[in-house]
Protein backbone atom coordinates (compact mmCIF):
# COMPACT_ATOMS: atom_id res chain seq x y z
CA MET A 1 0.00 0.00 0.00
CA LYS A 2 2.87 2.33 0.85
CA SER A 3 4.48 1.83 -2.56
CA PHE A 4 1.13 2.53 -4.28
CA ALA A 5 0.78 5.86 -2.42
CA MET A 6 4.36 6.79 -3.27
CA SER A 7 3.80 5.99 -6.95
CA LEU A 8 0.73 8.24 -6.95
CA LEU A 9 2.64 11.08 -5.31
CA LEU A 10 5.54 10.78 -7.70
CA GLY A 11 3.20 10.66 -10.68
CA GLY A 12 4.59 7.52 -12.21
CA GLN A 13 8.14 8.86 -12.30
CA GLN A 14 9.36 6.03 -10.13
CA ALA A 15 8.06 3.47 -12.61
CA ALA A 16 9.69 5.32 -15.50
CA ALA A 17 13.01 5.57 -13.69
CA GLY A 18 15.86 3.63 -15.18
CA ALA A 19 17.83 0.81 -13.54
CA ASP A 20 20.11 3.33 -11.84
CA GLY A 21 17.13 4.87 -9.98
CA ALA A 22 17.43 8.33 -11.55
CA ALA A 23 14.17 9.92 -12.63
CA PRO A 24 13.96 11.05 -16.25
CA ALA A 25 13.96 14.80 -16.81
CA GLY A 26 10.53 16.12 -17.82
CA ASN A 27 9.56 19.17 -19.76
CA PRO A 28 9.99 22.17 -17.40
CA ILE A 29 6.94 23.91 -18.89
CA LEU A 30 4.73 20.95 -18.00
CA GLN A 31 6.13 20.96 -14.46
CA PHE A 32 5.12 24.61 -13.91
CA LEU A 33 1.73 24.32 -15.64
CA PRO A 34 -0.16 23.38 -12.43
CA PHE A 35 1.29 26.42 -10.65
CA VAL A 36 0.24 28.69 -13.50
CA ALA A 37 -3.25 27.17 -13.44
CA ILE A 38 -3.57 27.73 -9.67
CA ILE A 39 -2.46 31.36 -10.01
CA ALA A 40 -4.97 31.92 -12.83
CA ILE A 41 -7.77 30.39 -10.75
CA PHE A 42 -6.93 32.58 -7.77
CA TYR A 43 -6.85 35.66 -9.98
CA PHE A 44 -10.23 35.08 -11.63
CA LEU A 45 -12.06 33.76 -8.57
CA ILE A 46 -10.62 35.89 -5.76
CA ILE A 47 -8.40 38.82 -6.73
CA ARG A 48 -10.34 40.22 -9.73
CA PRO A 49 -13.79 40.28 -8.06
CA GLN A 50 -12.30 41.84 -4.93
CA ASN A 51 -10.64 44.63 -6.95
CA LYS A 52 -13.88 45.23 -8.84
CA LYS A 53 -15.84 45.54 -5.59
CA GLN A 54 -13.25 47.98 -4.16
CA LYS A 55 -13.56 50.19 -7.25
CA GLU A 56 -17.37 50.19 -7.01
CA THR A 57 -17.21 51.12 -3.33
CA LYS A 58 -14.76 53.93 -4.06
CA ARG A 59 -17.03 55.31 -6.81
CA MET A 60 -20.04 55.10 -4.49
CA LEU A 61 -18.24 57.00 -1.70
CA GLU A 62 -17.03 59.68 -4.12
CA ALA A 63 -20.55 60.15 -5.51
CA LEU A 64 -22.20 60.82 -2.12
CA LYS A 65 -24.36 63.94 -2.12
CA LYS A 66 -26.83 65.72 0.07
CA GLY A 67 -30.19 63.96 0.27
CA ASP A 68 -28.89 60.43 -0.40
CA LYS A 69 -30.38 57.77 1.83
CA ILE A 70 -27.61 55.60 3.22
CA VAL A 71 -26.90 52.66 5.49
CA THR A 72 -23.75 52.60 7.61
CA ILE A 73 -21.61 49.57 8.33
CA GLY A 74 -23.22 49.44 11.77
CA GLY A 75 -26.70 49.34 10.23
CA ILE A 76 -27.79 52.91 10.93
CA HIS A 77 -30.18 54.27 8.30
CA GLY A 78 -30.28 57.98 7.57
CA THR A 79 -30.18 60.80 5.06
CA ILE A 80 -27.06 62.79 4.25
CA GLN A 81 -27.36 66.42 5.39
CA SER A 82 -23.91 67.60 4.34
CA VAL A 83 -20.79 66.16 2.78
CA LYS A 84 -17.28 67.09 3.89
CA GLU A 85 -13.92 65.95 2.59
CA THR A 86 -13.57 62.86 4.78
CA THR A 87 -16.86 62.80 6.71
CA VAL A 88 -20.60 63.11 6.17
CA ILE A 89 -23.30 64.39 8.50
CA VAL A 90 -26.28 62.05 8.54
CA LYS A 91 -29.75 62.96 9.77
CA VAL A 92 -31.04 59.90 11.59
CA ASP A 93 -34.27 61.29 13.09
CA ASP A 94 -35.90 64.66 13.72
CA GLY A 95 -33.18 66.83 15.23
CA ILE A 96 -30.62 64.00 15.48
CA LYS A 97 -27.55 64.35 13.30
CA LEU A 98 -24.49 62.12 13.43
CA GLU A 99 -21.12 62.58 11.79
CA PHE A 100 -19.63 59.51 10.11
CA SER A 101 -16.44 58.83 8.24
CA ARG A 102 -17.08 58.22 4.54
CA SER A 103 -15.58 54.76 4.88
CA ALA A 104 -18.28 53.88 7.45
CA ILE A 105 -20.98 54.01 4.77
CA SER A 106 -21.97 50.57 3.59
CA ASN A 107 -24.28 51.46 0.73
CA VAL A 108 -26.59 54.06 -0.72
CA GLU A 109 -30.20 52.97 -0.70
CA ALA A 110 -31.69 53.08 -4.14
CA ALA A 111 -35.15 52.19 -2.88
CA ALA A 112 -36.53 55.67 -3.58
CA ALA A 113 -35.26 55.64 -7.16
CA ILE A 114 -36.58 52.13 -7.75
CA LYS A 115 -39.95 53.09 -6.27
CA GLU A 116 -40.19 56.11 -8.60
CA GLU A 117 -39.32 53.97 -11.62
CA LYS A 118 -41.99 51.43 -10.69
CA GLU A 119 -44.56 54.19 -10.28
CA GLU A 120 -43.65 55.65 -13.69
CA LYS A 121 -43.94 52.23 -15.34
CA HIS A 122 -47.28 51.66 -13.61
CA GLU A 123 -48.57 55.04 -14.84
CA LYS A 124 -47.46 54.26 -18.42
CA ILE A 125 -49.23 50.91 -18.30
CA GLU A 126 -52.40 52.55 -17.00
CA GLU A 127 -52.24 55.20 -19.75
CA LYS A 128 -51.83 52.48 -22.37
CA LYS A 129 -54.82 50.60 -21.00
CA GLU A 130 -56.90 53.78 -21.09
CA GLU A 131 -55.85 54.48 -24.68
CA ASP A 132 -56.63 50.90 -25.71
CA SER A 133 -60.03 51.02 -24.03
CA ALA A 134 -60.76 54.39 -25.68
CA GLU A 135 -59.82 52.96 -29.10
CA THR A 136 -62.02 49.91 -28.62
CA SER A 137 -64.96 52.00 -27.48
CA SER A 138 -64.57 54.38 -30.44
CA ASP A 139 -64.27 51.39 -32.84
CA GLY A 140 -67.48 49.96 -31.39
CA ALA A 141 -69.28 53.32 -31.78
CA LYS A 142 -68.32 53.57 -35.47
CA GLU A 143 -69.97 50.26 -36.31
């Protein structure tokens, strides 16, 4: 069993070894191919997505403006009252304002923008329905 495990670890080189016990020299490119594959996997699965997320976060923090609804890393929800170079003042409740570092902001809530878009789509659909019903009623009146 021990010799079987060793032959697996050595990748068959022991079997291919000559009578003198020296292993044959393999192609150096093929020997480094697994290392290159591992580095490529790490890059595409770990490093690249992390860099992309950091860039998105940096853009989000640079684009902060007065009136944005935000959530801090600690989970505090509020509205930005003023933006300074490295900090923001957030209105949490009536008369309660807190100053946070920009890096303490987790995300900007887009719920208000999404809600407005949904309302606009809903209004367009309703207008279309009204137009369609008006066309059908006018077509029926002509006959």
